[in-house]
Amino acid sequence: MKIALYTEYVESSDRPLLESLVSALAARQVETVEFIDQLPEGAFDFVFSFGGDGTILSAVHLVVDTRIPIVGINFGHLGFLTTVGKSGLDLFVDDLLAGRYTIEERTLVHARVDGMQSFALNEVFVHRAENVPLLRTDVYVDDEFVSTYSGDGLIVATPTGSTAYSLSCGGPILTPNSGCFVITPIGAHSLTLRPFIVPDSAQIRLVTDIRHSTIYLGMDSRSQALRGGTEIHLRREDFTIRLVRMSGQNFFSACHDKLHWGSDIRR
């Protein structure tokens, strides 16, 4: 077995944990290769991502369509997408090597804008510039006009992203296999403009306000400036990303453990 270790940034205090994990893997005849900027050449059984959810989002853009499963090891804070925390790494290694895990296929959203094409695991969003009080965005689904959303901006989130930025703006939680995108307004200026769900087979087009010289396009943790009037074309990406869940873990247990969802309910 061969594992690539993605270490975008590891605190010096966490380096001994990483070294201990590498030693535990080596003792079980598992080869490891550490990388930062580019996935090394060769065949890998897993990519271990050390950090939080932001590190996993970066790892996704290095793994791309290789189909290598990603194991998130939470050296960060919330770690909703991560598989295991700092404690119990030895037990985790035994379970992984014994095959006591499942793999979740995660949908991506593909974006095409101004000749540029990219993808996001969580969401694509548009946002007004700081000196602009209101951004109007026309939304089309399969070339049918939906509405003009007025506010701070608009999010198009995957099921994975439904527990991230979209959730903080009042969007619903979607299960990973729901086959949908959710379109969520950011700071909507009308109570009638609510989040809505479309199938991920839909073609989504966002037309931004031509009156603005600058707006911002965000894709996961990356953002760039666009000119007003730019059209953003969104669809489901042709490939998926594979995330590892250990035995006994599932999406709902992650909601309970990481989001404290339903923590006030007593059985």
C-alpha atoms as a PDB file:
ATOM      1  CA  MET A   1       0.000   0.000   0.000  1.00  0.00           C
ATOM      2  CA  LYS A   2       1.145   3.541  -0.779  1.00  0.00           C
ATOM      3  CA  ILE A   3      -0.267   6.732   0.749  1.00  0.00           C
ATOM      4  CA  ALA A   4       0.337  10.381  -0.203  1.00  0.00           C
ATOM      5  CA  LEU A   5       0.432  12.790   2.752  1.00  0.00           C
ATOM      6  CA  TYR A   6      -0.838  16.291   1.948  1.00  0.00           C
ATOM      7  CA  THR A   7       0.719  18.672   4.475  1.00  0.00           C
ATOM      8  CA  GLU A   8      -0.182  22.178   3.284  1.00  0.00           C
ATOM      9  CA  TYR A   9       0.566  23.537   6.743  1.00  0.00           C
ATOM     10  CA  VAL A  10       1.212  21.602   9.941  1.00  0.00           C
ATOM     11  CA  GLU A  11       1.798  23.368  13.259  1.00  0.00           C
ATOM     12  CA  SER A  12       5.154  22.553  14.829  1.00  0.00           C
ATOM     13  CA  SER A  13       3.268  21.196  17.843  1.00  0.00           C
ATOM     14  CA  ASP A  14       1.458  18.718  15.576  1.00  0.00           C
ATOM     15  CA  ARG A  15       4.563  17.547  13.710  1.00  0.00           C
ATOM     16  CA  PRO A  16       5.289  14.761  16.280  1.00  0.00           C
ATOM     17  CA  LEU A  17       1.777  13.359  15.683  1.00  0.00           C
ATOM     18  CA  LEU A  18       2.429  13.291  11.951  1.00  0.00           C
ATOM     19  CA  GLU A  19       5.784  11.584  12.444  1.00  0.00           C
ATOM     20  CA  SER A  20       4.190   9.048  14.804  1.00  0.00           C
ATOM     21  CA  LEU A  21       1.543   8.240  12.193  1.00  0.00           C
ATOM     22  CA  VAL A  22       4.197   7.783   9.497  1.00  0.00           C
ATOM     23  CA  SER A  23       6.078   5.421  11.816  1.00  0.00           C
ATOM     24  CA  ALA A  24       2.894   3.443  12.548  1.00  0.00           C
ATOM     25  CA  LEU A  25       2.253   3.078   8.821  1.00  0.00           C
ATOM     26  CA  ALA A  26       5.854   2.076   8.107  1.00  0.00           C
ATOM     27  CA  ALA A  27       5.633  -0.613  10.809  1.00  0.00           C
ATOM     28  CA  ARG A  28       2.756  -2.067   8.805  1.00  0.00           C
ATOM     29  CA  GLN A  29       4.737  -1.970   5.534  1.00  0.00           C
ATOM     30  CA  VAL A  30       2.862   1.049   4.182  1.00  0.00           C
ATOM     31  CA  GLU A  31       4.903   3.467   2.061  1.00  0.00           C
ATOM     32  CA  THR A  32       4.215   7.197   2.510  1.00  0.00           C
ATOM     33  CA  VAL A  33       5.174  10.228   0.409  1.00  0.00           C
ATOM     34  CA  GLU A  34       4.708  13.747   1.768  1.00  0.00           C
ATOM     35  CA  PHE A  35       3.748  16.553  -0.616  1.00  0.00           C
ATOM     36  CA  ILE A  36       2.580  20.172  -0.539  1.00  0.00           C
ATOM     37  CA  ASP A  37       2.072  21.703  -3.999  1.00  0.00           C
ATOM     38  CA  GLN A  38       1.549  18.833  -6.420  1.00  0.00           C
ATOM     39  CA  LEU A  39       0.420  15.221  -6.127  1.00  0.00           C
ATOM     40  CA  PRO A  40       3.493  13.046  -6.755  1.00  0.00           C
ATOM     41  CA  GLU A  41       3.521  10.754  -9.754  1.00  0.00           C
ATOM     42  CA  GLY A  42       2.615   7.133  -9.233  1.00  0.00           C
ATOM     43  CA  ALA A  43      -0.277   5.053  -7.947  1.00  0.00           C
ATOM     44  CA  PHE A  44      -1.617   5.818  -4.467  1.00  0.00           C
ATOM     45  CA  ASP A  45      -4.257   3.994  -2.445  1.00  0.00           C
ATOM     46  CA  PHE A  46      -5.175   7.070  -0.359  1.00  0.00           C
ATOM     47  CA  VAL A  47      -4.369  10.730   0.097  1.00  0.00           C
ATOM     48  CA  PHE A  48      -4.201  11.810   3.747  1.00  0.00           C
ATOM     49  CA  SER A  49      -5.062  15.496   4.228  1.00  0.00           C
ATOM     50  CA  PHE A  50      -3.707  17.002   7.461  1.00  0.00           C
ATOM     51  CA  GLY A  51      -5.616  20.093   8.620  1.00  0.00           C
ATOM     52  CA  GLY A  52      -9.252  21.136   8.613  1.00  0.00           C
ATOM     53  CA  ASP A  53     -11.937  21.405   5.962  1.00  0.00           C
ATOM     54  CA  GLY A  54     -10.024  24.142   4.147  1.00  0.00           C
ATOM     55  CA  THR A  55      -7.089  21.779   3.682  1.00  0.00           C
ATOM     56  CA  ILE A  56      -9.406  19.148   2.221  1.00  0.00           C
ATOM     57  CA  LEU A  57     -10.751  21.732  -0.242  1.00  0.00           C
ATOM     58  CA  SER A  58      -7.165  22.385  -1.350  1.00  0.00           C
ATOM     59  CA  ALA A  59      -6.420  18.657  -1.574  1.00  0.00           C
ATOM     60  CA  VAL A  60      -9.436  18.174  -3.830  1.00  0.00           C
ATOM     61  CA  HIS A  61      -7.840  20.446  -6.444  1.00  0.00           C
ATOM     62  CA  LEU A  62      -4.671  18.368  -6.369  1.00  0.00           C
ATOM     63  CA  VAL A  63      -6.401  14.982  -6.494  1.00  0.00           C
ATOM     64  CA  VAL A  64      -8.814  16.163  -9.246  1.00  0.00           C
ATOM     65  CA  ASP A  65     -10.157  13.196 -11.256  1.00  0.00           C
ATOM     66  CA  THR A  66      -7.622  10.568 -10.141  1.00  0.00           C
ATOM     67  CA  ARG A  67     -10.292   8.771  -8.052  1.00  0.00           C
ATOM     68  CA  ILE A  68      -7.865   8.476  -5.104  1.00  0.00           C
ATOM     69  CA  PRO A  69      -9.890   8.478  -1.845  1.00  0.00           C
ATOM     70  CA  ILE A  70      -9.150  11.365   0.528  1.00  0.00           C
ATOM     71  CA  VAL A  71      -8.802  10.768   4.271  1.00  0.00           C
ATOM     72  CA  GLY A  72      -9.172  13.987   6.246  1.00  0.00           C
ATOM     73  CA  ILE A  73      -7.148  14.007   9.483  1.00  0.00           C
ATOM     74  CA  ASN A  74      -8.345  16.904  11.592  1.00  0.00           C
ATOM     75  CA  PHE A  75      -5.437  19.054  12.701  1.00  0.00           C
ATOM     76  CA  GLY A  76      -7.718  22.093  12.426  1.00  0.00           C
ATOM     77  CA  HIS A  77     -10.918  23.181  14.179  1.00  0.00           C
ATOM     78  CA  LEU A  78     -14.418  22.085  13.077  1.00  0.00           C
ATOM     79  CA  GLY A  79     -13.331  19.458  10.569  1.00  0.00           C
ATOM     80  CA  PHE A  80     -16.810  18.549   9.294  1.00  0.00           C
ATOM     81  CA  LEU A  81     -15.369  16.751   6.276  1.00  0.00           C
ATOM     82  CA  THR A  82     -12.508  15.097   8.112  1.00  0.00           C
ATOM     83  CA  THR A  83     -12.406  11.398   8.946  1.00  0.00           C
ATOM     84  CA  VAL A  84     -10.462  11.246  12.210  1.00  0.00           C
ATOM     85  CA  GLY A  85      -9.079  13.597  14.857  1.00  0.00           C
ATOM     86  CA  LYS A  86      -5.714  13.746  16.575  1.00  0.00           C
ATOM     87  CA  SER A  87      -6.628  11.092  19.116  1.00  0.00           C
ATOM     88  CA  GLY A  88      -6.844   7.428  18.253  1.00  0.00           C
ATOM     89  CA  LEU A  89      -4.647   7.543  15.142  1.00  0.00           C
ATOM     90  CA  ASP A  90      -3.162   4.089  15.799  1.00  0.00           C
ATOM     91  CA  LEU A  91      -6.629   2.536  16.017  1.00  0.00           C
ATOM     92  CA  PHE A  92      -7.617   4.424  12.870  1.00  0.00           C
ATOM     93  CA  VAL A  93      -4.657   2.931  10.978  1.00  0.00           C
ATOM     94  CA  ASP A  94      -5.664  -0.592  11.998  1.00  0.00           C
ATOM     95  CA  ASP A  95      -9.262  -0.012  10.900  1.00  0.00           C
ATOM     96  CA  LEU A  96      -8.220   1.525   7.575  1.00  0.00           C
ATOM     97  CA  LEU A  97      -5.827  -1.297   6.702  1.00  0.00           C
ATOM     98  CA  ALA A  98      -8.467  -3.844   7.695  1.00  0.00           C
ATOM     99  CA  GLY A  99     -10.955  -2.251   5.292  1.00  0.00           C
ATOM    100  CA  ARG A 100     -13.332  -1.047   7.990  1.00  0.00           C
ATOM    101  CA  TYR A 101     -14.413   2.066   6.102  1.00  0.00           C
ATOM    102  CA  THR A 102     -16.774   3.275   3.385  1.00  0.00           C
ATOM    103  CA  ILE A 103     -16.243   5.737   0.553  1.00  0.00           C
ATOM    104  CA  GLU A 104     -18.646   8.586  -0.184  1.00  0.00           C
ATOM    105  CA  GLU A 105     -18.822   9.973  -3.706  1.00  0.00           C
ATOM    106  CA  ARG A 106     -19.103  13.771  -3.507  1.00  0.00           C
ATOM    107  CA  THR A 107     -20.567  15.839  -6.342  1.00  0.00           C
ATOM    108  CA  LEU A 108     -18.684  18.873  -7.633  1.00  0.00           C
ATOM    109  CA  VAL A 109     -20.026  21.996  -9.321  1.00  0.00           C
ATOM    110  CA  HIS A 110     -18.307  22.992 -12.574  1.00  0.00           C
ATOM    111  CA  ALA A 111     -18.046  26.697 -13.407  1.00  0.00           C
ATOM    112  CA  ARG A 112     -17.373  28.357 -16.749  1.00  0.00           C
ATOM    113  CA  VAL A 113     -16.851  32.116 -16.845  1.00  0.00           C
ATOM    114  CA  ASP A 114     -14.943  34.373 -19.272  1.00  0.00           C
ATOM    115  CA  GLY A 115     -13.228  31.391 -20.882  1.00  0.00           C
ATOM    116  CA  MET A 116     -12.040  30.070 -17.505  1.00  0.00           C
ATOM    117  CA  GLN A 117     -13.228  26.668 -16.258  1.00  0.00           C
ATOM    118  CA  SER A 118     -12.844  25.264 -12.777  1.00  0.00           C
ATOM    119  CA  PHE A 119     -14.782  23.349 -10.128  1.00  0.00           C
ATOM    120  CA  ALA A 120     -15.707  23.508  -6.461  1.00  0.00           C
ATOM    121  CA  LEU A 121     -16.538  20.901  -3.838  1.00  0.00           C
ATOM    122  CA  ASN A 122     -18.579  23.224  -1.608  1.00  0.00           C
ATOM    123  CA  GLU A 123     -19.988  26.147  -3.555  1.00  0.00           C
ATOM    124  CA  VAL A 124     -19.718  28.848  -6.169  1.00  0.00           C
ATOM    125  CA  PHE A 125     -20.914  32.292  -5.114  1.00  0.00           C
ATOM    126  CA  VAL A 126     -21.076  35.880  -6.331  1.00  0.00           C
ATOM    127  CA  HIS A 127     -20.768  38.802  -3.928  1.00  0.00           C
ATOM    128  CA  ARG A 128     -20.992  42.560  -4.187  1.00  0.00           C
ATOM    129  CA  ALA A 129     -17.935  44.779  -3.819  1.00  0.00           C
ATOM    130  CA  GLU A 130     -17.586  46.634  -0.510  1.00  0.00           C
ATOM    131  CA  ASN A 131     -18.513  49.999  -2.037  1.00  0.00           C
ATOM    132  CA  VAL A 132     -21.686  48.603  -3.645  1.00  0.00           C
ATOM    133  CA  PRO A 133     -24.850  48.537  -1.485  1.00  0.00           C
ATOM    134  CA  LEU A 134     -26.787  46.004  -3.576  1.00  0.00           C
ATOM    135  CA  LEU A 135     -26.046  43.305  -6.142  1.00  0.00           C
ATOM    136  CA  ARG A 136     -28.740  42.095  -8.537  1.00  0.00           C
ATOM    137  CA  THR A 137     -28.228  38.663 -10.067  1.00  0.00           C
ATOM    138  CA  ASP A 138     -30.527  37.119 -12.667  1.00  0.00           C
ATOM    139  CA  VAL A 139     -30.862  33.361 -12.240  1.00  0.00           C
ATOM    140  CA  TYR A 140     -31.724  30.961 -15.077  1.00  0.00           C
ATOM    141  CA  VAL A 141     -32.210  27.196 -14.748  1.00  0.00           C
ATOM    142  CA  ASP A 142     -32.139  25.233 -18.017  1.00  0.00           C
ATOM    143  CA  ASP A 143     -32.528  28.594 -19.801  1.00  0.00           C
ATOM    144  CA  GLU A 144     -35.751  29.391 -17.940  1.00  0.00           C
ATOM    145  CA  PHE A 145     -35.726  32.646 -15.976  1.00  0.00           C
ATOM    146  CA  VAL A 146     -36.173  32.039 -12.236  1.00  0.00           C
ATOM    147  CA  SER A 147     -35.854  35.439 -10.580  1.00  0.00           C
ATOM    148  CA  THR A 148     -33.632  38.430  -9.954  1.00  0.00           C
ATOM    149  CA  TYR A 149     -31.947  38.055  -6.578  1.00  0.00           C
ATOM    150  CA  SER A 150     -31.140  41.367  -4.888  1.00  0.00           C
ATOM    151  CA  GLY A 151     -28.860  41.480  -1.874  1.00  0.00           C
ATOM    152  CA  ASP A 152     -25.238  40.887  -0.975  1.00  0.00           C
ATOM    153  CA  GLY A 153     -24.873  37.985  -3.364  1.00  0.00           C
ATOM    154  CA  LEU A 154     -25.886  34.433  -4.231  1.00  0.00           C
ATOM    155  CA  ILE A 155     -24.573  30.920  -3.495  1.00  0.00           C
ATOM    156  CA  VAL A 156     -24.898  27.777  -5.590  1.00  0.00           C
ATOM    157  CA  ALA A 157     -23.905  24.923  -3.270  1.00  0.00           C
ATOM    158  CA  THR A 158     -23.425  21.194  -3.676  1.00  0.00           C
ATOM    159  CA  PRO A 159     -24.763  18.807  -1.031  1.00  0.00           C
ATOM    160  CA  THR A 160     -21.300  18.927   0.550  1.00  0.00           C
ATOM    161  CA  GLY A 161     -21.438  22.723   0.600  1.00  0.00           C
ATOM    162  CA  SER A 162     -24.951  22.766   2.046  1.00  0.00           C
ATOM    163  CA  THR A 163     -23.393  22.502   5.520  1.00  0.00           C
ATOM    164  CA  ALA A 164     -20.976  25.382   4.873  1.00  0.00           C
ATOM    165  CA  TYR A 165     -21.591  28.950   3.612  1.00  0.00           C
ATOM    166  CA  SER A 166     -25.101  28.146   2.367  1.00  0.00           C
ATOM    167  CA  LEU A 167     -26.158  26.861   5.796  1.00  0.00           C
ATOM    168  CA  SER A 168     -24.952  30.062   7.482  1.00  0.00           C
ATOM    169  CA  CYS A 169     -27.177  32.021   5.071  1.00  0.00           C
ATOM    170  CA  GLY A 170     -30.289  29.984   5.890  1.00  0.00           C
ATOM    171  CA  GLY A 171     -30.010  27.224   3.298  1.00  0.00           C
ATOM    172  CA  PRO A 172     -31.175  23.635   3.940  1.00  0.00           C
ATOM    173  CA  ILE A 173     -28.927  20.680   4.726  1.00  0.00           C
ATOM    174  CA  LEU A 174     -28.691  18.180   1.858  1.00  0.00           C
ATOM    175  CA  THR A 175     -27.459  14.617   2.201  1.00  0.00           C
ATOM    176  CA  PRO A 176     -24.372  13.844   0.077  1.00  0.00           C
ATOM    177  CA  ASN A 177     -26.291  11.526  -2.285  1.00  0.00           C
ATOM    178  CA  SER A 178     -29.322  13.794  -2.777  1.00  0.00           C
ATOM    179  CA  GLY A 179     -28.448  14.670  -6.385  1.00  0.00           C
ATOM    180  CA  CYS A 180     -29.226  18.381  -5.982  1.00  0.00           C
ATOM    181  CA  PHE A 181     -27.805  21.870  -5.912  1.00  0.00           C
ATOM    182  CA  VAL A 182     -29.185  24.514  -3.558  1.00  0.00           C
ATOM    183  CA  ILE A 183     -29.355  28.170  -4.598  1.00  0.00           C
ATOM    184  CA  THR A 184     -29.180  30.410  -1.524  1.00  0.00           C
ATOM    185  CA  PRO A 185     -29.320  34.226  -1.375  1.00  0.00           C
ATOM    186  CA  ILE A 186     -26.791  36.135   0.719  1.00  0.00           C
ATOM    187  CA  GLY A 187     -28.459  38.961   2.664  1.00  0.00           C
ATOM    188  CA  ALA A 188     -31.563  38.996   0.444  1.00  0.00           C
ATOM    189  CA  HIS A 189     -33.430  42.301   0.345  1.00  0.00           C
ATOM    190  CA  SER A 190     -36.804  40.559   0.009  1.00  0.00           C
ATOM    191  CA  LEU A 191     -38.388  38.014   2.334  1.00  0.00           C
ATOM    192  CA  THR A 192     -39.963  36.279  -0.677  1.00  0.00           C
ATOM    193  CA  LEU A 193     -36.555  35.270  -2.092  1.00  0.00           C
ATOM    194  CA  ARG A 194     -35.838  31.994  -0.340  1.00  0.00           C
ATOM    195  CA  PRO A 195     -33.313  29.230  -1.006  1.00  0.00           C
ATOM    196  CA  PHE A 196     -34.481  26.672  -3.547  1.00  0.00           C
ATOM    197  CA  ILE A 197     -33.262  23.277  -4.698  1.00  0.00           C
ATOM    198  CA  VAL A 198     -32.715  22.121  -8.275  1.00  0.00           C
ATOM    199  CA  PRO A 199     -31.549  18.747  -9.617  1.00  0.00           C
ATOM    200  CA  ASP A 200     -27.830  18.578 -10.271  1.00  0.00           C
ATOM    201  CA  SER A 201     -28.607  17.674 -13.878  1.00  0.00           C
ATOM    202  CA  ALA A 202     -29.721  21.294 -14.385  1.00  0.00           C
ATOM    203  CA  GLN A 203     -27.732  23.931 -16.242  1.00  0.00           C
ATOM    204  CA  ILE A 204     -27.587  27.084 -14.087  1.00  0.00           C
ATOM    205  CA  ARG A 205     -26.728  30.522 -15.430  1.00  0.00           C
ATOM    206  CA  LEU A 206     -26.065  33.589 -13.293  1.00  0.00           C
ATOM    207  CA  VAL A 207     -26.075  37.005 -14.968  1.00  0.00           C
ATOM    208  CA  THR A 208     -24.559  39.671 -12.740  1.00  0.00           C
ATOM    209  CA  ASP A 209     -25.531  43.344 -12.639  1.00  0.00           C
ATOM    210  CA  ILE A 210     -23.987  45.180 -15.589  1.00  0.00           C
ATOM    211  CA  ARG A 211     -23.987  48.445 -13.649  1.00  0.00           C
ATOM    212  CA  HIS A 212     -21.149  47.303 -11.375  1.00  0.00           C
ATOM    213  CA  SER A 213     -17.543  47.687 -12.442  1.00  0.00           C
ATOM    214  CA  THR A 214     -16.463  44.931 -10.057  1.00  0.00           C
ATOM    215  CA  ILE A 215     -18.085  41.941  -8.364  1.00  0.00           C
ATOM    216  CA  TYR A 216     -16.479  38.929  -6.722  1.00  0.00           C
ATOM    217  CA  LEU A 217     -16.698  35.291  -7.709  1.00  0.00           C
ATOM    218  CA  GLY A 218     -15.882  32.727  -5.014  1.00  0.00           C
ATOM    219  CA  MET A 219     -15.199  29.033  -5.495  1.00  0.00           C
ATOM    220  CA  ASP A 220     -14.680  27.265  -2.175  1.00  0.00           C
ATOM    221  CA  SER A 221     -11.828  29.134  -0.493  1.00  0.00           C
ATOM    222  CA  ARG A 222     -10.684  30.994  -3.638  1.00  0.00           C
ATOM    223  CA  SER A 223     -12.057  34.249  -5.024  1.00  0.00           C
ATOM    224  CA  GLN A 224     -11.442  36.607  -7.931  1.00  0.00           C
ATOM    225  CA  ALA A 225     -12.782  39.902  -9.231  1.00  0.00           C
ATOM    226  CA  LEU A 226     -15.108  39.991 -12.238  1.00  0.00           C
ATOM    227  CA  ARG A 227     -16.647  42.827 -14.179  1.00  0.00           C
ATOM    228  CA  GLY A 228     -20.378  43.440 -13.822  1.00  0.00           C
ATOM    229  CA  GLY A 229     -22.524  41.831 -16.492  1.00  0.00           C
ATOM    230  CA  THR A 230     -20.416  38.668 -16.576  1.00  0.00           C
ATOM    231  CA  GLU A 231     -22.324  35.409 -17.096  1.00  0.00           C
ATOM    232  CA  ILE A 232     -21.448  32.412 -14.931  1.00  0.00           C
ATOM    233  CA  HIS A 233     -22.416  28.985 -16.254  1.00  0.00           C
ATOM    234  CA  LEU A 234     -22.721  26.170 -13.714  1.00  0.00           C
ATOM    235  CA  ARG A 235     -23.333  22.442 -14.021  1.00  0.00           C
ATOM    236  CA  ARG A 236     -22.415  19.187 -12.310  1.00  0.00           C
ATOM    237  CA  GLU A 237     -18.766  18.253 -12.850  1.00  0.00           C
ATOM    238  CA  ASP A 238     -18.052  15.115 -14.886  1.00  0.00           C
ATOM    239  CA  PHE A 239     -16.140  13.444 -12.045  1.00  0.00           C
ATOM    240  CA  THR A 240     -16.640  13.091  -8.294  1.00  0.00           C
ATOM    241  CA  ILE A 241     -14.373  13.283  -5.255  1.00  0.00           C
ATOM    242  CA  ARG A 242     -14.146  10.277  -2.925  1.00  0.00           C
ATOM    243  CA  LEU A 243     -14.093  10.898   0.842  1.00  0.00           C
ATOM    244  CA  VAL A 244     -13.411   8.146   3.378  1.00  0.00           C
ATOM    245  CA  ARG A 245     -15.699   7.483   6.355  1.00  0.00           C
ATOM    246  CA  MET A 246     -14.639   4.976   8.969  1.00  0.00           C
ATOM    247  CA  SER A 247     -16.916   2.197  10.186  1.00  0.00           C
ATOM    248  CA  GLY A 248     -19.718   3.606  12.340  1.00  0.00           C
ATOM    249  CA  GLN A 249     -19.471   7.071  10.781  1.00  0.00           C
ATOM    250  CA  ASN A 250     -22.057   8.557   8.473  1.00  0.00           C
ATOM    251  CA  PHE A 251     -23.354  11.951   7.364  1.00  0.00           C
ATOM    252  CA  PHE A 252     -25.855  12.215  10.196  1.00  0.00           C
ATOM    253  CA  SER A 253     -23.318  11.284  12.873  1.00  0.00           C
ATOM    254  CA  ALA A 254     -21.111  14.066  11.474  1.00  0.00           C
ATOM    255  CA  CYS A 255     -24.035  16.505  11.804  1.00  0.00           C
ATOM    256  CA  HIS A 256     -24.501  15.446  15.423  1.00  0.00           C
ATOM    257  CA  ASP A 257     -20.812  15.446  16.351  1.00  0.00           C
ATOM    258  CA  LYS A 258     -19.558  18.476  14.419  1.00  0.00           C
ATOM    259  CA  LEU A 259     -22.615  20.748  14.078  1.00  0.00           C
ATOM    260  CA  HIS A 260     -24.230  19.658  17.378  1.00  0.00           C
ATOM    261  CA  TRP A 261     -27.361  19.095  15.308  1.00  0.00           C
ATOM    262  CA  GLY A 262     -30.221  17.949  17.512  1.00  0.00           C
ATOM    263  CA  SER A 263     -28.034  18.101  20.626  1.00  0.00           C
ATOM    264  CA  ASP A 264     -30.993  19.402  22.652  1.00  0.00           C
ATOM    265  CA  ILE A 265     -33.012  16.275  21.918  1.00  0.00           C
ATOM    266  CA  ARG A 266     -32.966  13.540  24.564  1.00  0.00           C
ATOM    267  CA  ARG A 267     -33.823  10.006  23.538  1.00  0.00           C
END
